[in-house]
Amino acid sequence: MASFKITISDVKGKSMIKELKDSDANPLLGLTVGQETDASLVGLEGKIKITGGSDKSGIPMRSDILGGTRKRVLIPQGVGLQDTEKGLRKRKLLRGNTISEEIYQINTKFDGEIKIEKPKEEAPKEKPKEEAPKEKPKE
C-alpha cells in the first residue's frame, strides 16, 4: 500500500503539496528520477518531471545510484552532501533513483503554471472583553 506526498513546483516558483494513497499512487511505482509522467495523477493538465525525493527517515534519492535501495556511497559533491573542502569525499547513506513503497516524499517539476485558489476570508472574530484594571494593594 503505497502512500506519497508529492511536492509540485512550477516555472514561476509556486509550489503545492498533494497526497496520493493506494491505487492513485501505484502508477508512480517503478519510475526513476528524471522521468516524466502525466500530471492528471495530481489533478493538473500537462506533464510533471520527477526531480528527487526522500524516504521515511529523510534519506534523499540520488539520480546516479541505480535501484530503489539504500546504499553507502563515497561522493565528492552533490545531493546528500553539504559544504565540503576541495578534494574531500565522504561516505554517505543515500537511496537509489527508483520510486518504491519506501519513498515518502516525491519532488516534481510541472511544465505549466499552478493556479492556487486563495483561502476564503473568515468573518472577523470578536475581541475578548477586557478585564477591569486591578487596583494596587494598600500599604
Protein backbone atom coordinates (compact mmCIF):
# COMPACT_ATOMS: atom_id res chain seq x y z
CA MET A 1 0.00 0.00 0.00
CA ALA A 2 1.92 2.98 -1.32
CA SER A 3 1.41 6.46 0.05
CA PHE A 4 3.31 9.52 -1.21
CA LYS A 5 3.43 13.24 -0.56
CA ILE A 6 4.14 14.93 -3.88
CA THR A 7 5.60 18.44 -3.95
CA ILE A 8 4.80 20.07 -7.30
CA SER A 9 6.72 23.21 -8.32
CA ASP A 10 6.01 25.25 -11.44
CA VAL A 11 8.14 27.51 -13.63
CA LYS A 12 7.10 30.67 -11.71
CA GLY A 13 8.27 29.34 -8.33
CA LYS A 14 4.89 28.41 -6.84
CA SER A 15 4.54 25.02 -5.27
CA MET A 16 1.83 22.84 -3.79
CA ILE A 17 1.64 19.53 -1.97
CA LYS A 18 -0.68 16.65 -2.85
CA GLU A 19 -1.03 13.35 -1.01
CA LEU A 20 -1.61 10.17 -3.02
CA LYS A 21 -2.63 6.89 -1.43
CA ASP A 22 -3.19 3.30 -2.58
CA SER A 23 -4.45 2.98 -6.18
CA ASP A 24 -3.74 6.65 -7.01
CA ALA A 25 -0.07 6.20 -6.08
CA ASN A 26 0.53 2.91 -7.91
CA PRO A 27 1.34 4.47 -11.35
CA LEU A 28 4.38 6.19 -9.77
CA LEU A 29 5.96 2.95 -8.53
CA GLY A 30 8.97 1.99 -10.63
CA LEU A 31 9.56 5.44 -12.14
CA THR A 32 13.05 6.91 -11.83
CA VAL A 33 14.39 10.40 -11.16
CA GLY A 34 14.36 12.37 -14.42
CA GLN A 35 11.36 10.60 -15.98
CA GLU A 36 8.22 12.46 -16.99
CA THR A 37 4.66 11.31 -16.37
CA ASP A 38 1.16 12.63 -16.91
CA ALA A 39 0.07 15.33 -14.44
CA SER A 40 -3.52 14.06 -14.36
CA LEU A 41 -2.44 11.91 -11.39
CA VAL A 42 -2.41 15.06 -9.26
CA GLY A 43 -5.29 16.88 -10.97
CA LEU A 44 -3.31 19.06 -13.41
CA GLU A 45 -3.10 19.14 -17.20
CA GLY A 46 0.33 18.58 -18.73
CA LYS A 47 3.46 16.73 -17.65
CA ILE A 48 5.38 16.51 -14.40
CA LYS A 49 9.07 15.59 -14.20
CA ILE A 50 10.38 13.72 -11.15
CA THR A 51 13.36 15.61 -9.73
CA GLY A 52 14.01 13.73 -6.48
CA GLY A 53 12.56 12.64 -3.17
CA SER A 54 13.28 11.09 0.19
CA ASP A 55 12.24 8.11 2.29
CA LYS A 56 10.50 7.99 5.67
CA SER A 57 13.71 8.62 7.60
CA GLY A 58 14.82 11.54 5.39
CA ILE A 59 17.43 9.76 3.27
CA PRO A 60 17.50 11.59 -0.11
CA MET A 61 17.21 9.95 -3.52
CA ARG A 62 20.19 10.41 -5.84
CA SER A 63 19.84 10.12 -9.61
CA ASP A 64 23.17 8.35 -10.28
CA ILE A 65 22.51 5.40 -7.92
CA LEU A 66 20.55 2.64 -9.65
CA GLY A 67 17.73 0.79 -7.90
CA GLY A 68 15.48 1.63 -5.01
CA THR A 69 17.60 0.50 -2.06
CA ARG A 70 19.74 2.38 0.44
CA LYS A 71 23.47 2.33 -0.21
CA ARG A 72 26.55 3.81 1.43
CA VAL A 73 28.28 5.72 -1.36
CA LEU A 74 31.54 7.68 -1.49
CA ILE A 75 30.63 11.05 -3.02
CA PRO A 76 32.65 14.25 -3.65
CA GLN A 77 29.69 16.65 -4.05
CA GLY A 78 26.01 16.94 -5.00
CA VAL A 79 22.77 15.67 -3.49
CA GLY A 80 23.18 14.48 0.09
CA LEU A 81 26.45 16.28 0.82
CA GLN A 82 26.78 19.82 2.13
CA ASP A 83 29.82 22.14 2.25
CA THR A 84 32.94 20.09 1.65
CA GLU A 85 36.52 21.17 1.18
CA LYS A 86 38.08 20.81 -2.24
CA GLY A 87 39.14 17.21 -2.85
CA LEU A 88 37.27 15.83 0.18
CA ARG A 89 34.98 12.85 -0.35
CA LYS A 90 32.57 11.41 2.19
CA ARG A 91 30.72 8.15 2.51
CA LYS A 92 27.00 8.90 2.90
CA LEU A 93 23.86 6.80 3.13
CA LEU A 94 21.71 7.55 0.08
CA ARG A 95 18.75 5.98 -1.69
CA GLY A 96 18.64 4.90 -5.34
CA ASN A 97 16.79 6.67 -8.13
CA THR A 98 13.78 4.33 -8.41
CA ILE A 99 10.50 5.06 -6.62
CA SER A 100 9.45 2.22 -4.33
CA GLU A 101 6.96 1.81 -1.50
CA GLU A 102 9.59 3.01 1.00
CA ILE A 103 9.68 6.51 -0.56
CA TYR A 104 7.72 9.10 1.44
CA GLN A 105 8.13 12.37 -0.48
CA ILE A 106 8.49 12.92 -4.23
CA ASN A 107 9.67 16.24 -5.64
CA THR A 108 8.38 17.14 -9.11
CA LYS A 109 8.52 19.99 -11.60
CA PHE A 110 5.35 20.97 -13.52
CA ASP A 111 5.74 22.32 -17.07
CA GLY A 112 2.94 24.90 -16.73
CA GLU A 113 1.63 27.32 -14.11
CA ILE A 114 -0.14 26.21 -10.94
CA LYS A 115 -3.31 28.12 -10.23
CA ILE A 116 -3.71 28.20 -6.47
CA GLU A 117 -7.04 29.31 -5.07
CA LYS A 118 -6.87 31.88 -2.32
CA PRO A 119 -8.33 30.75 1.00
CA LYS A 120 -11.74 32.18 1.86
CA GLU A 121 -11.64 35.04 4.30
CA GLU A 122 -13.35 34.33 7.58
CA ALA A 123 -15.65 36.78 9.35
CA PRO A 124 -13.75 38.95 11.83
CA LYS A 125 -13.73 37.48 15.29
CA GLU A 126 -14.99 39.47 18.23
CA LYS A 127 -12.31 40.79 20.53
CA PRO A 128 -12.38 39.32 24.03
CA LYS A 129 -13.73 41.65 26.67
CA GLU A 130 -11.01 43.44 28.52
CA GLU A 131 -10.85 42.94 32.25
CA ALA A 132 -11.11 45.89 34.59
CA PRO A 133 -7.69 47.16 35.71
CA LYS A 134 -6.61 45.70 39.00
CA GLU A 135 -6.23 48.04 41.92
CA LYS A 136 -2.93 48.33 43.70
CA PRO A 137 -2.87 46.83 47.21
CA LYS A 138 -2.90 49.38 50.03
CA GLU A 139 0.15 49.59 52.17
